[in-house]
Amino acid sequence: MALGNKTLGRTIEVRDVEELLHDGNAVKIIDVRTPAEYQSMHIPGSYNVPLDQLPEHKTELANAISVPVVLVCRSGARAEQAAKVFDTTSLEQFHVLRGGITAWEQAQKPVNRGPQIWSMERQVRGVAGSLVLLSVLGSLFVWKPLALLAGFVGGGLAYSALTDTCGMAMVLSKLPYNRSVSCDVRDVVKQLNASA
């Protein structure tokens, strides 16, 4: 997509998204974080389609969108995964917001806020760190084989980094804490069709 004299690449900056929105360009923002994270804070006018539901609904979403799309998550990693999902559809113009909602907020751009919860990345760091700490302390004072749990968590984190996936995040997303808010992707598709 072109913005003035420059062509936008797959990854775009906060200022580019702001220009697209303010210059009257037809663009949709899709936030791929969990519904709870989205409710906590999101870009006004964005649509929530959680990454774990995207593969199931990618075709109907791509068919409902005829304008460029900006994919957003907390930092950009999940939005990149969403872009890979859209690579297999007819949707041609999509971009990833570099730095995600964190960069948007740091640039002091407008956000809608709701009840605050920890982001999925923060939950993973908290659980992984706690498991490692408790297993190391437990192996020192209670039962030596507990150190294996720390090794298992470390191996899982290394695998997560290598594959750019996170099994712990998938498990944590199923907890009631993260499921208190839900997203009906079919409703989002209807909204996208209505706004087209």
N, C-alpha and C. Protein backbone atom coordinates (compact mmCIF):
# COMPACT_ATOMS: atom_id res chain seq x y z
N MET A 1 0.85 -1.18 0.00
CA MET A 1 0.00 0.00 0.00
C MET A 1 0.89 1.23 0.00
N ALA A 2 0.45 2.26 -0.67
CA ALA A 2 1.21 3.51 -0.73
C ALA A 2 0.67 4.51 0.26
N LEU A 3 1.58 5.25 0.86
CA LEU A 3 1.23 6.32 1.78
C LEU A 3 2.03 7.53 1.33
N GLY A 4 1.35 8.44 0.64
CA GLY A 4 2.07 9.56 0.05
C GLY A 4 2.99 9.04 -1.04
N ASN A 5 4.29 9.36 -0.90
CA ASN A 5 5.27 8.92 -1.89
C ASN A 5 5.94 7.61 -1.53
N LYS A 6 5.64 7.06 -0.35
CA LYS A 6 6.32 5.83 0.04
C LYS A 6 5.37 4.64 0.02
N THR A 7 5.94 3.48 -0.27
CA THR A 7 5.19 2.24 -0.26
C THR A 7 5.40 1.57 1.09
N LEU A 8 4.29 1.16 1.70
CA LEU A 8 4.39 0.53 3.01
C LEU A 8 4.74 -0.93 2.86
N GLY A 9 5.64 -1.40 3.70
CA GLY A 9 6.03 -2.80 3.70
C GLY A 9 5.14 -3.61 4.64
N ARG A 10 5.56 -4.82 4.87
CA ARG A 10 4.77 -5.72 5.73
C ARG A 10 4.73 -5.20 7.17
N THR A 11 5.84 -4.66 7.66
CA THR A 11 5.88 -4.10 9.00
C THR A 11 5.86 -2.58 8.88
N ILE A 12 4.95 -1.95 9.63
CA ILE A 12 4.85 -0.49 9.55
C ILE A 12 4.94 0.12 10.94
N GLU A 13 5.23 1.39 10.97
CA GLU A 13 5.44 2.13 12.22
C GLU A 13 4.13 2.76 12.70
N VAL A 14 4.13 3.20 13.95
CA VAL A 14 2.96 3.86 14.54
C VAL A 14 2.56 5.07 13.70
N ARG A 15 3.52 5.87 13.29
CA ARG A 15 3.20 7.09 12.52
C ARG A 15 2.50 6.75 11.20
N ASP A 16 2.89 5.61 10.58
CA ASP A 16 2.25 5.19 9.34
C ASP A 16 0.78 4.84 9.56
N VAL A 17 0.51 4.11 10.65
CA VAL A 17 -0.88 3.74 10.97
C VAL A 17 -1.68 5.00 11.26
N GLU A 18 -1.10 5.92 12.01
CA GLU A 18 -1.80 7.16 12.33
C GLU A 18 -2.11 7.94 11.06
N GLU A 19 -1.17 8.00 10.12
CA GLU A 19 -1.40 8.70 8.86
C GLU A 19 -2.51 8.02 8.05
N LEU A 20 -2.49 6.70 8.01
CA LEU A 20 -3.53 5.97 7.29
C LEU A 20 -4.91 6.30 7.86
N LEU A 21 -5.01 6.33 9.18
CA LEU A 21 -6.29 6.59 9.82
C LEU A 21 -6.74 8.04 9.63
N HIS A 22 -5.81 8.97 9.70
CA HIS A 22 -6.16 10.40 9.64
C HIS A 22 -6.35 10.91 8.22
N ASP A 23 -5.72 10.27 7.25
CA ASP A 23 -5.83 10.74 5.87
C ASP A 23 -7.06 10.20 5.16
N GLY A 24 -7.94 9.56 5.90
CA GLY A 24 -9.17 9.05 5.30
C GLY A 24 -8.99 7.78 4.50
N ASN A 25 -7.82 7.16 4.60
CA ASN A 25 -7.61 5.89 3.90
C ASN A 25 -8.47 4.82 4.56
N ALA A 26 -9.08 4.00 3.74
CA ALA A 26 -9.86 2.89 4.28
C ALA A 26 -8.88 1.83 4.75
N VAL A 27 -8.86 1.58 6.04
CA VAL A 27 -7.97 0.60 6.64
C VAL A 27 -8.68 -0.01 7.84
N LYS A 28 -8.44 -1.28 8.08
CA LYS A 28 -9.02 -1.96 9.25
C LYS A 28 -7.87 -2.38 10.16
N ILE A 29 -8.10 -2.29 11.45
CA ILE A 29 -7.12 -2.73 12.44
C ILE A 29 -7.67 -3.99 13.11
N ILE A 30 -6.92 -5.07 13.04
CA ILE A 30 -7.31 -6.32 13.69
C ILE A 30 -6.32 -6.62 14.79
N ASP A 31 -6.84 -6.70 16.00
CA ASP A 31 -6.05 -6.98 17.20
C ASP A 31 -6.15 -8.48 17.47
N VAL A 32 -5.01 -9.18 17.47
CA VAL A 32 -5.03 -10.64 17.59
C VAL A 32 -4.72 -11.14 19.00
N ARG A 33 -4.77 -10.25 19.97
CA ARG A 33 -4.55 -10.67 21.36
C ARG A 33 -5.80 -11.38 21.90
N THR A 34 -5.70 -11.91 23.11
CA THR A 34 -6.85 -12.56 23.72
C THR A 34 -7.94 -11.52 23.98
N PRO A 35 -9.21 -11.95 24.06
CA PRO A 35 -10.28 -11.00 24.34
C PRO A 35 -10.06 -10.21 25.64
N ALA A 36 -9.51 -10.87 26.67
CA ALA A 36 -9.26 -10.18 27.94
C ALA A 36 -8.21 -9.08 27.77
N GLU A 37 -7.15 -9.38 27.01
CA GLU A 37 -6.12 -8.37 26.74
C GLU A 37 -6.71 -7.22 25.93
N TYR A 38 -7.52 -7.56 24.95
CA TYR A 38 -8.16 -6.55 24.09
C TYR A 38 -9.05 -5.65 24.93
N GLN A 39 -9.84 -6.25 25.82
CA GLN A 39 -10.73 -5.45 26.67
C GLN A 39 -9.93 -4.53 27.58
N SER A 40 -8.78 -4.99 28.00
CA SER A 40 -7.93 -4.21 28.89
C SER A 40 -7.48 -2.90 28.23
N MET A 41 -7.08 -2.99 26.94
CA MET A 41 -6.65 -1.80 26.21
C MET A 41 -6.58 -2.13 24.73
N HIS A 42 -7.16 -1.26 23.89
CA HIS A 42 -7.07 -1.47 22.45
C HIS A 42 -7.16 -0.14 21.71
N ILE A 43 -6.77 -0.18 20.45
CA ILE A 43 -6.84 1.00 19.59
C ILE A 43 -8.30 1.23 19.22
N PRO A 44 -8.80 2.45 19.38
CA PRO A 44 -10.20 2.72 19.03
C PRO A 44 -10.50 2.32 17.59
N GLY A 45 -11.62 1.65 17.39
CA GLY A 45 -12.04 1.23 16.06
C GLY A 45 -11.45 -0.09 15.61
N SER A 46 -10.62 -0.70 16.43
CA SER A 46 -10.03 -1.99 16.05
C SER A 46 -11.00 -3.13 16.32
N TYR A 47 -10.74 -4.25 15.66
CA TYR A 47 -11.56 -5.45 15.81
C TYR A 47 -10.71 -6.53 16.47
N ASN A 48 -11.31 -7.29 17.37
CA ASN A 48 -10.59 -8.35 18.06
C ASN A 48 -10.86 -9.71 17.41
N VAL A 49 -9.80 -10.32 16.90
CA VAL A 49 -9.85 -11.69 16.39
C VAL A 49 -8.66 -12.41 17.01
N PRO A 50 -8.87 -13.15 18.10
CA PRO A 50 -7.76 -13.82 18.79
C PRO A 50 -6.99 -14.74 17.85
N LEU A 51 -5.68 -14.75 18.00
CA LEU A 51 -4.80 -15.54 17.14
C LEU A 51 -5.20 -17.01 17.11
N ASP A 52 -5.64 -17.56 18.25
CA ASP A 52 -5.99 -18.98 18.27
C ASP A 52 -7.26 -19.29 17.47
N GLN A 53 -8.07 -18.27 17.17
CA GLN A 53 -9.28 -18.49 16.38
C GLN A 53 -9.09 -18.10 14.90
N LEU A 54 -7.99 -17.45 14.61
CA LEU A 54 -7.76 -16.95 13.25
C LEU A 54 -7.69 -18.05 12.19
N PRO A 55 -6.95 -19.14 12.40
CA PRO A 55 -6.89 -20.16 11.33
C PRO A 55 -8.26 -20.70 10.93
N GLU A 56 -9.13 -20.86 11.90
CA GLU A 56 -10.47 -21.39 11.63
C GLU A 56 -11.32 -20.44 10.80
N HIS A 57 -11.10 -19.13 10.96
CA HIS A 57 -11.94 -18.12 10.31
C HIS A 57 -11.20 -17.28 9.27
N LYS A 58 -9.99 -17.68 8.88
CA LYS A 58 -9.17 -16.84 8.01
C LYS A 58 -9.82 -16.55 6.67
N THR A 59 -10.48 -17.54 6.08
CA THR A 59 -11.07 -17.34 4.76
C THR A 59 -12.25 -16.37 4.82
N GLU A 60 -13.15 -16.55 5.79
CA GLU A 60 -14.29 -15.64 5.87
C GLU A 60 -13.85 -14.23 6.24
N LEU A 61 -12.80 -14.10 7.05
CA LEU A 61 -12.27 -12.77 7.36
C LEU A 61 -11.67 -12.13 6.11
N ALA A 62 -10.86 -12.88 5.39
CA ALA A 62 -10.23 -12.35 4.18
C ALA A 62 -11.28 -11.92 3.16
N ASN A 63 -12.37 -12.69 3.06
CA ASN A 63 -13.44 -12.34 2.12
C ASN A 63 -14.23 -11.12 2.57
N ALA A 64 -14.25 -10.85 3.88
CA ALA A 64 -15.02 -9.72 4.41
C ALA A 64 -14.23 -8.41 4.35
N ILE A 65 -12.94 -8.51 4.08
CA ILE A 65 -12.08 -7.32 4.11
C ILE A 65 -11.60 -7.00 2.71
N SER A 66 -11.93 -5.81 2.25
CA SER A 66 -11.49 -5.40 0.91
C SER A 66 -10.52 -4.23 0.97
N VAL A 67 -10.10 -3.87 2.17
CA VAL A 67 -9.18 -2.75 2.36
C VAL A 67 -7.93 -3.26 3.08
N PRO A 68 -6.86 -2.48 3.10
CA PRO A 68 -5.67 -2.90 3.83
C PRO A 68 -5.96 -3.13 5.31
N VAL A 69 -5.23 -4.06 5.90
CA VAL A 69 -5.40 -4.44 7.30
C VAL A 69 -4.10 -4.20 8.05
N VAL A 70 -4.22 -3.68 9.25
CA VAL A 70 -3.08 -3.56 10.16
C VAL A 70 -3.31 -4.56 11.28
N LEU A 71 -2.35 -5.47 11.46
CA LEU A 71 -2.44 -6.49 12.50
C LEU A 71 -1.69 -6.00 13.73
N VAL A 72 -2.33 -6.16 14.90
CA VAL A 72 -1.79 -5.63 16.15
C VAL A 72 -1.83 -6.70 17.23
N CYS A 73 -0.80 -6.73 18.05
CA CYS A 73 -0.80 -7.53 19.27
C CYS A 73 -0.06 -6.69 20.32
N ARG A 74 0.45 -7.31 21.35
CA ARG A 74 1.13 -6.54 22.38
C ARG A 74 2.47 -6.00 21.87
N SER A 75 3.29 -6.88 21.26
CA SER A 75 4.63 -6.48 20.86
C SER A 75 4.92 -6.62 19.38
N GLY A 76 4.10 -7.37 18.67
CA GLY A 76 4.31 -7.61 17.25
C GLY A 76 4.51 -9.07 16.90
N ALA A 77 4.87 -9.92 17.87
CA ALA A 77 5.15 -11.33 17.59
C ALA A 77 3.90 -12.10 17.16
N ARG A 78 2.80 -11.94 17.89
CA ARG A 78 1.57 -12.65 17.51
C ARG A 78 0.99 -12.08 16.22
N ALA A 79 1.16 -10.78 16.00
CA ALA A 79 0.69 -10.19 14.74
C ALA A 79 1.46 -10.76 13.55
N GLU A 80 2.75 -11.04 13.73
CA GLU A 80 3.54 -11.69 12.68
C GLU A 80 3.01 -13.09 12.40
N GLN A 81 2.64 -13.82 13.46
CA GLN A 81 2.05 -15.15 13.27
C GLN A 81 0.72 -15.03 12.52
N ALA A 82 -0.06 -14.01 12.84
CA ALA A 82 -1.33 -13.78 12.14
C ALA A 82 -1.08 -13.47 10.67
N ALA A 83 -0.03 -12.71 10.39
CA ALA A 83 0.30 -12.39 8.99
C ALA A 83 0.62 -13.66 8.21
N LYS A 84 1.29 -14.60 8.86
CA LYS A 84 1.60 -15.88 8.19
C LYS A 84 0.32 -16.64 7.89
N VAL A 85 -0.67 -16.54 8.77
CA VAL A 85 -1.97 -17.18 8.52
C VAL A 85 -2.64 -16.52 7.32
N PHE A 86 -2.61 -15.19 7.26
CA PHE A 86 -3.24 -14.47 6.14
C PHE A 86 -2.48 -14.67 4.83
N ASP A 87 -1.20 -15.08 4.90
CA ASP A 87 -0.44 -15.37 3.68
C ASP A 87 -1.12 -16.44 2.85
N THR A 88 -1.90 -17.30 3.49
CA THR A 88 -2.54 -18.42 2.78
C THR A 88 -3.95 -18.09 2.31
N THR A 89 -4.32 -16.80 2.33
CA THR A 89 -5.67 -16.39 1.93
C THR A 89 -5.58 -15.45 0.74
N SER A 90 -6.75 -14.97 0.32
CA SER A 90 -6.81 -14.02 -0.80
C SER A 90 -6.51 -12.58 -0.37
N LEU A 91 -6.41 -12.35 0.95
CA LEU A 91 -6.13 -11.01 1.45
C LEU A 91 -4.71 -10.61 1.05
N GLU A 92 -4.59 -9.52 0.32
CA GLU A 92 -3.28 -9.14 -0.22
C GLU A 92 -2.59 -8.04 0.58
N GLN A 93 -3.36 -7.12 1.15
CA GLN A 93 -2.73 -5.98 1.80
C GLN A 93 -2.90 -6.06 3.31
N PHE A 94 -1.88 -6.54 3.97
CA PHE A 94 -1.89 -6.52 5.42
C PHE A 94 -0.51 -6.16 5.93
N HIS A 95 -0.51 -5.48 7.05
CA HIS A 95 0.72 -4.97 7.64
C HIS A 95 0.72 -5.30 9.13
N VAL A 96 1.91 -5.38 9.70
CA VAL A 96 2.07 -5.64 11.13
C VAL A 96 2.57 -4.36 11.78
N LEU A 97 1.89 -3.93 12.84
CA LEU A 97 2.33 -2.74 13.57
C LEU A 97 3.57 -3.09 14.38
N ARG A 98 4.70 -2.49 14.02
CA ARG A 98 5.97 -2.75 14.73
C ARG A 98 5.84 -2.29 16.19
N GLY A 99 6.12 -3.18 17.10
CA GLY A 99 6.06 -2.86 18.52
C GLY A 99 4.67 -3.00 19.11
N GLY A 100 3.67 -3.27 18.27
CA GLY A 100 2.31 -3.53 18.73
C GLY A 100 1.67 -2.40 19.53
N ILE A 101 0.71 -2.79 20.36
CA ILE A 101 -0.04 -1.83 21.17
C ILE A 101 0.88 -1.12 22.16
N THR A 102 1.99 -1.78 22.53
CA THR A 102 2.96 -1.16 23.43
C THR A 102 3.57 0.07 22.77
N ALA A 103 3.99 -0.05 21.52
CA ALA A 103 4.56 1.09 20.80
C ALA A 103 3.51 2.17 20.59
N TRP A 104 2.27 1.76 20.30
CA TRP A 104 1.17 2.71 20.10
C TRP A 104 0.94 3.53 21.37
N GLU A 105 0.92 2.85 22.50
CA GLU A 105 0.70 3.54 23.78
C GLU A 105 1.89 4.44 24.13
N GLN A 106 3.11 3.95 23.89
CA GLN A 106 4.31 4.75 24.19
C GLN A 106 4.37 6.01 23.34
N ALA A 107 3.79 5.95 22.14
CA ALA A 107 3.75 7.14 21.27
C ALA A 107 2.60 8.06 21.67
N GLN A 108 1.91 7.71 22.76
CA GLN A 108 0.81 8.51 23.32
C GLN A 108 -0.34 8.68 22.34
N LYS A 109 -0.63 7.60 21.61
CA LYS A 109 -1.77 7.59 20.70
C LYS A 109 -3.00 7.14 21.48
N PRO A 110 -4.20 7.46 20.99
CA PRO A 110 -5.41 7.14 21.76
C PRO A 110 -5.66 5.64 21.90
N VAL A 111 -6.11 5.25 23.10
CA VAL A 111 -6.49 3.86 23.36
C VAL A 111 -7.78 3.85 24.17
N ASN A 112 -8.55 2.80 24.00
CA ASN A 112 -9.72 2.56 24.86
C ASN A 112 -9.27 1.62 25.96
N ARG A 113 -9.58 1.97 27.20
CA ARG A 113 -9.15 1.14 28.34
C ARG A 113 -10.35 0.51 29.03
N GLY A 114 -10.13 -0.69 29.55
CA GLY A 114 -11.12 -1.41 30.34
C GLY A 114 -10.44 -1.97 31.58
N PRO A 115 -11.03 -2.99 32.19
CA PRO A 115 -10.40 -3.61 33.36
C PRO A 115 -9.00 -4.12 33.00
N GLN A 116 -8.03 -3.83 33.84
CA GLN A 116 -6.64 -4.19 33.55
C GLN A 116 -6.32 -5.62 33.98
N ILE A 117 -5.73 -6.38 33.07
CA ILE A 117 -5.22 -7.71 33.37
C ILE A 117 -3.81 -7.82 32.82
N TRP A 118 -3.09 -8.83 33.24
CA TRP A 118 -1.75 -9.05 32.70
C TRP A 118 -1.83 -9.54 31.27
N SER A 119 -0.91 -9.07 30.43
CA SER A 119 -0.84 -9.56 29.06
C SER A 119 -0.42 -11.03 29.09
N MET A 120 -0.65 -11.73 28.00
CA MET A 120 -0.30 -13.15 27.92
C MET A 120 1.21 -13.34 28.09
N GLU A 121 2.01 -12.47 27.48
CA GLU A 121 3.46 -12.58 27.63
C GLU A 121 3.88 -12.44 29.09
N ARG A 122 3.26 -11.52 29.80
CA ARG A 122 3.59 -11.31 31.21
C ARG A 122 3.14 -12.51 32.05
N GLN A 123 1.99 -13.08 31.71
CA GLN A 123 1.53 -14.27 32.42
C GLN A 123 2.51 -15.43 32.22
N VAL A 124 2.98 -15.62 30.98
CA VAL A 124 3.93 -16.69 30.70
C VAL A 124 5.21 -16.47 31.48
N ARG A 125 5.74 -15.25 31.46
CA ARG A 125 6.97 -14.97 32.22
C ARG A 125 6.76 -15.23 33.70
N GLY A 126 5.60 -14.83 34.23
CA GLY A 126 5.33 -15.03 35.65
C GLY A 126 5.24 -16.50 36.03
N VAL A 127 4.52 -17.28 35.23
CA VAL A 127 4.37 -18.71 35.53
C VAL A 127 5.70 -19.44 35.34
N ALA A 128 6.39 -19.18 34.21
CA ALA A 128 7.66 -19.86 33.96
C ALA A 128 8.69 -19.51 35.04
N GLY A 129 8.80 -18.23 35.37
CA GLY A 129 9.75 -17.82 36.40
C GLY A 129 9.43 -18.43 37.75
N SER A 130 8.15 -18.47 38.10
CA SER A 130 7.75 -19.06 39.38
C SER A 130 8.05 -20.56 39.42
N LEU A 131 7.76 -21.27 38.33
CA LEU A 131 8.05 -22.70 38.28
C LEU A 131 9.54 -22.98 38.43
N VAL A 132 10.37 -22.21 37.75
CA VAL A 132 11.82 -22.40 37.84
C VAL A 132 12.30 -22.10 39.26
N LEU A 133 11.88 -20.98 39.81
CA LEU A 133 12.31 -20.60 41.16
C LEU A 133 11.89 -21.65 42.19
N LEU A 134 10.62 -22.05 42.15
CA LEU A 134 10.12 -23.02 43.13
C LEU A 134 10.77 -24.39 42.96
N SER A 135 11.01 -24.80 41.72
CA SER A 135 11.63 -26.11 41.53
C SER A 135 13.09 -26.11 41.97
N VAL A 136 13.82 -25.03 41.74
CA VAL A 136 15.21 -24.95 42.20
C VAL A 136 15.25 -24.93 43.72
N LEU A 137 14.42 -24.09 44.35
CA LEU A 137 14.39 -24.05 45.82
C LEU A 137 13.94 -25.39 46.39
N GLY A 138 12.94 -25.99 45.75
CA GLY A 138 12.45 -27.30 46.20
C GLY A 138 13.52 -28.36 46.09
N SER A 139 14.34 -28.29 45.02
CA SER A 139 15.40 -29.29 44.84
C SER A 139 16.51 -29.10 45.87
N LEU A 140 16.70 -27.89 46.35
CA LEU A 140 17.72 -27.63 47.37
C LEU A 140 17.28 -28.07 48.76
N PHE A 141 15.99 -27.88 49.06
CA PHE A 141 15.53 -28.08 50.43
C PHE A 141 14.56 -29.24 50.63
N VAL A 142 13.95 -29.75 49.57
CA VAL A 142 12.92 -30.77 49.75
C VAL A 142 13.29 -32.08 49.04
N TRP A 143 13.41 -32.02 47.70
CA TRP A 143 13.59 -33.24 46.91
C TRP A 143 14.40 -32.89 45.68
N LYS A 144 15.60 -33.42 45.57
CA LYS A 144 16.54 -33.05 44.50
C LYS A 144 15.98 -33.18 43.08
N PRO A 145 15.18 -34.23 42.76
CA PRO A 145 14.67 -34.34 41.38
C PRO A 145 13.76 -33.19 40.93
N LEU A 146 13.34 -32.31 41.83
CA LEU A 146 12.52 -31.16 41.41
C LEU A 146 13.29 -30.24 40.46
N ALA A 147 14.62 -30.35 40.47
CA ALA A 147 15.43 -29.54 39.55
C ALA A 147 15.10 -29.88 38.09
N LEU A 148 14.61 -31.09 37.86
CA LEU A 148 14.24 -31.48 36.49
C LEU A 148 13.11 -30.61 35.95
N LEU A 149 12.22 -30.17 36.84
CA LEU A 149 11.14 -29.29 36.40
C LEU A 149 11.69 -27.98 35.84
N ALA A 150 12.72 -27.44 36.50
CA ALA A 150 13.35 -26.21 35.99
C ALA A 150 13.95 -26.45 34.61
N GLY A 151 14.58 -27.62 34.42
CA GLY A 151 15.14 -27.96 33.11
C GLY A 151 14.05 -28.11 32.06
N PHE A 152 12.92 -28.71 32.44
CA PHE A 152 11.80 -28.88 31.52
C PHE A 152 11.24 -27.52 31.08
N VAL A 153 11.07 -26.60 32.04
CA VAL A 153 10.56 -25.26 31.72
C VAL A 153 11.56 -24.52 30.82
N GLY A 154 12.85 -24.63 31.15
CA GLY A 154 13.88 -23.99 30.32
C GLY A 154 13.87 -24.54 28.90
N GLY A 155 13.73 -25.86 28.78
CA GLY A 155 13.64 -26.48 27.45
C GLY A 155 12.41 -26.00 26.69
N GLY A 156 11.30 -25.87 27.39
CA GLY A 156 10.07 -25.38 26.76
C GLY A 156 10.22 -23.95 26.27
N LEU A 157 10.90 -23.13 27.06
CA LEU A 157 11.12 -21.73 26.65
C LEU A 157 12.06 -21.66 25.44
N ALA A 158 13.09 -22.51 25.43
CA ALA A 158 14.01 -22.54 24.27
C ALA A 158 13.26 -22.99 23.02
N TYR A 159 12.44 -24.03 23.15
CA TYR A 159 11.64 -24.51 22.02
C TYR A 159 10.69 -23.41 21.55
N SER A 160 10.10 -22.70 22.49
CA SER A 160 9.19 -21.61 22.17
C SER A 160 9.90 -20.53 21.35
N ALA A 161 11.11 -20.21 21.73
CA ALA A 161 11.88 -19.19 21.00
C ALA A 161 12.24 -19.67 19.60
N LEU A 162 12.62 -20.94 19.48
CA LEU A 162 13.03 -21.48 18.18
C LEU A 162 11.87 -21.59 17.20
N THR A 163 10.70 -21.94 17.70
CA THR A 163 9.54 -22.15 16.83
C THR A 163 8.62 -20.95 16.75
N ASP A 164 8.88 -19.93 17.57
CA ASP A 164 8.04 -18.73 17.64
C ASP A 164 6.58 -19.09 17.96
N THR A 165 6.43 -20.09 18.84
CA THR A 165 5.13 -20.48 19.37
C THR A 165 5.26 -20.55 20.88
N CYS A 166 4.15 -20.72 21.57
CA CYS A 166 4.24 -20.81 23.02
C CYS A 166 3.13 -21.72 23.55
N GLY A 167 3.54 -22.92 23.90
CA GLY A 167 2.59 -23.88 24.46
C GLY A 167 2.01 -23.41 25.78
N MET A 168 2.83 -22.76 26.60
CA MET A 168 2.34 -22.28 27.89
C MET A 168 1.27 -21.21 27.69
N ALA A 169 1.46 -20.35 26.70
CA ALA A 169 0.46 -19.31 26.43
C ALA A 169 -0.85 -19.94 25.98
N MET A 170 -0.76 -21.02 25.18
CA MET A 170 -1.98 -21.69 24.74
C MET A 170 -2.73 -22.29 25.92
N VAL A 171 -1.97 -22.87 26.87
CA VAL A 171 -2.60 -23.44 28.06
C VAL A 171 -3.19 -22.34 28.93
N LEU A 172 -2.43 -21.27 29.15
CA LEU A 172 -2.91 -20.17 30.00
C LEU A 172 -4.14 -19.48 29.40
N SER A 173 -4.22 -19.44 28.08
CA SER A 173 -5.36 -18.77 27.45
C SER A 173 -6.67 -19.51 27.73
N LYS A 174 -6.59 -20.77 28.13
CA LYS A 174 -7.79 -21.56 28.43
C LYS A 174 -8.29 -21.37 29.86
N LEU A 175 -7.50 -20.72 30.71
CA LEU A 175 -7.91 -20.51 32.10
C LEU A 175 -9.10 -19.56 32.19
N PRO A 176 -9.97 -19.75 33.18
CA PRO A 176 -11.14 -18.88 33.34
C PRO A 176 -10.77 -17.39 33.41
N TYR A 177 -9.65 -17.08 34.01
CA TYR A 177 -9.17 -15.70 34.12
C TYR A 177 -9.05 -15.05 32.74
N ASN A 178 -8.58 -15.84 31.78
CA ASN A 178 -8.41 -15.32 30.42
C ASN A 178 -9.63 -15.56 29.55
N ARG A 179 -10.59 -16.31 30.03
CA ARG A 179 -11.79 -16.61 29.27
C ARG A 179 -13.00 -15.82 29.77
N SER A 180 -12.78 -14.92 30.74
CA SER A 180 -13.90 -14.17 31.30
C SER A 180 -14.58 -13.30 30.24
N VAL A 181 -13.83 -12.96 29.21
CA VAL A 181 -14.35 -12.20 28.08
C VAL A 181 -14.16 -13.07 26.86
N SER A 182 -15.12 -13.10 25.97
CA SER A 182 -14.98 -13.94 24.79
C SER A 182 -15.12 -13.09 23.52
N CYS A 183 -14.79 -13.71 22.42
CA CYS A 183 -14.89 -13.05 21.12
C CYS A 183 -15.62 -13.96 20.16
N ASP A 184 -16.67 -13.46 19.55
CA ASP A 184 -17.40 -14.21 18.53
C ASP A 184 -16.91 -13.70 17.17
N VAL A 185 -16.04 -14.47 16.54
CA VAL A 185 -15.43 -14.03 15.28
C VAL A 185 -16.47 -13.84 14.19
N ARG A 186 -17.54 -14.64 14.21
CA ARG A 186 -18.59 -14.46 13.21
C ARG A 186 -19.25 -13.09 13.33
N ASP A 187 -19.37 -12.62 14.56
CA ASP A 187 -19.91 -11.28 14.80
C ASP A 187 -18.94 -10.23 14.24
N VAL A 188 -17.64 -10.45 14.42
CA VAL A 188 -16.65 -9.53 13.88
C VAL A 188 -16.74 -9.50 12.34
N VAL A 189 -16.91 -10.67 11.73
CA VAL A 189 -17.05 -10.74 10.27
C VAL A 189 -18.27 -9.94 9.82
N LYS A 190 -19.37 -10.06 10.55
CA LYS A 190 -20.59 -9.28 10.21
C LYS A 190 -20.31 -7.79 10.32
N GLN A 191 -19.59 -7.38 11.37
CA GLN A 191 -19.26 -5.96 11.54
C GLN A 191 -18.37 -5.48 10.39
N LEU A 192 -17.40 -6.30 10.00
CA LEU A 192 -16.52 -5.92 8.88
C LEU A 192 -17.30 -5.81 7.58
N ASN A 193 -18.22 -6.73 7.34
CA ASN A 193 -19.05 -6.67 6.14
C ASN A 193 -19.95 -5.43 6.15
N ALA A 194 -20.49 -5.10 7.31
CA ALA A 194 -21.38 -3.95 7.43
C ALA A 194 -20.64 -2.64 7.21
N SER A 195 -19.35 -2.60 7.61
CA SER A 195 -18.60 -1.36 7.47
C SER A 195 -17.95 -1.22 6.10
N ALA A 196 -18.03 -2.28 5.29
CA ALA A 196 -17.36 -2.24 3.97
C ALA A 196 -18.05 -1.26 3.04
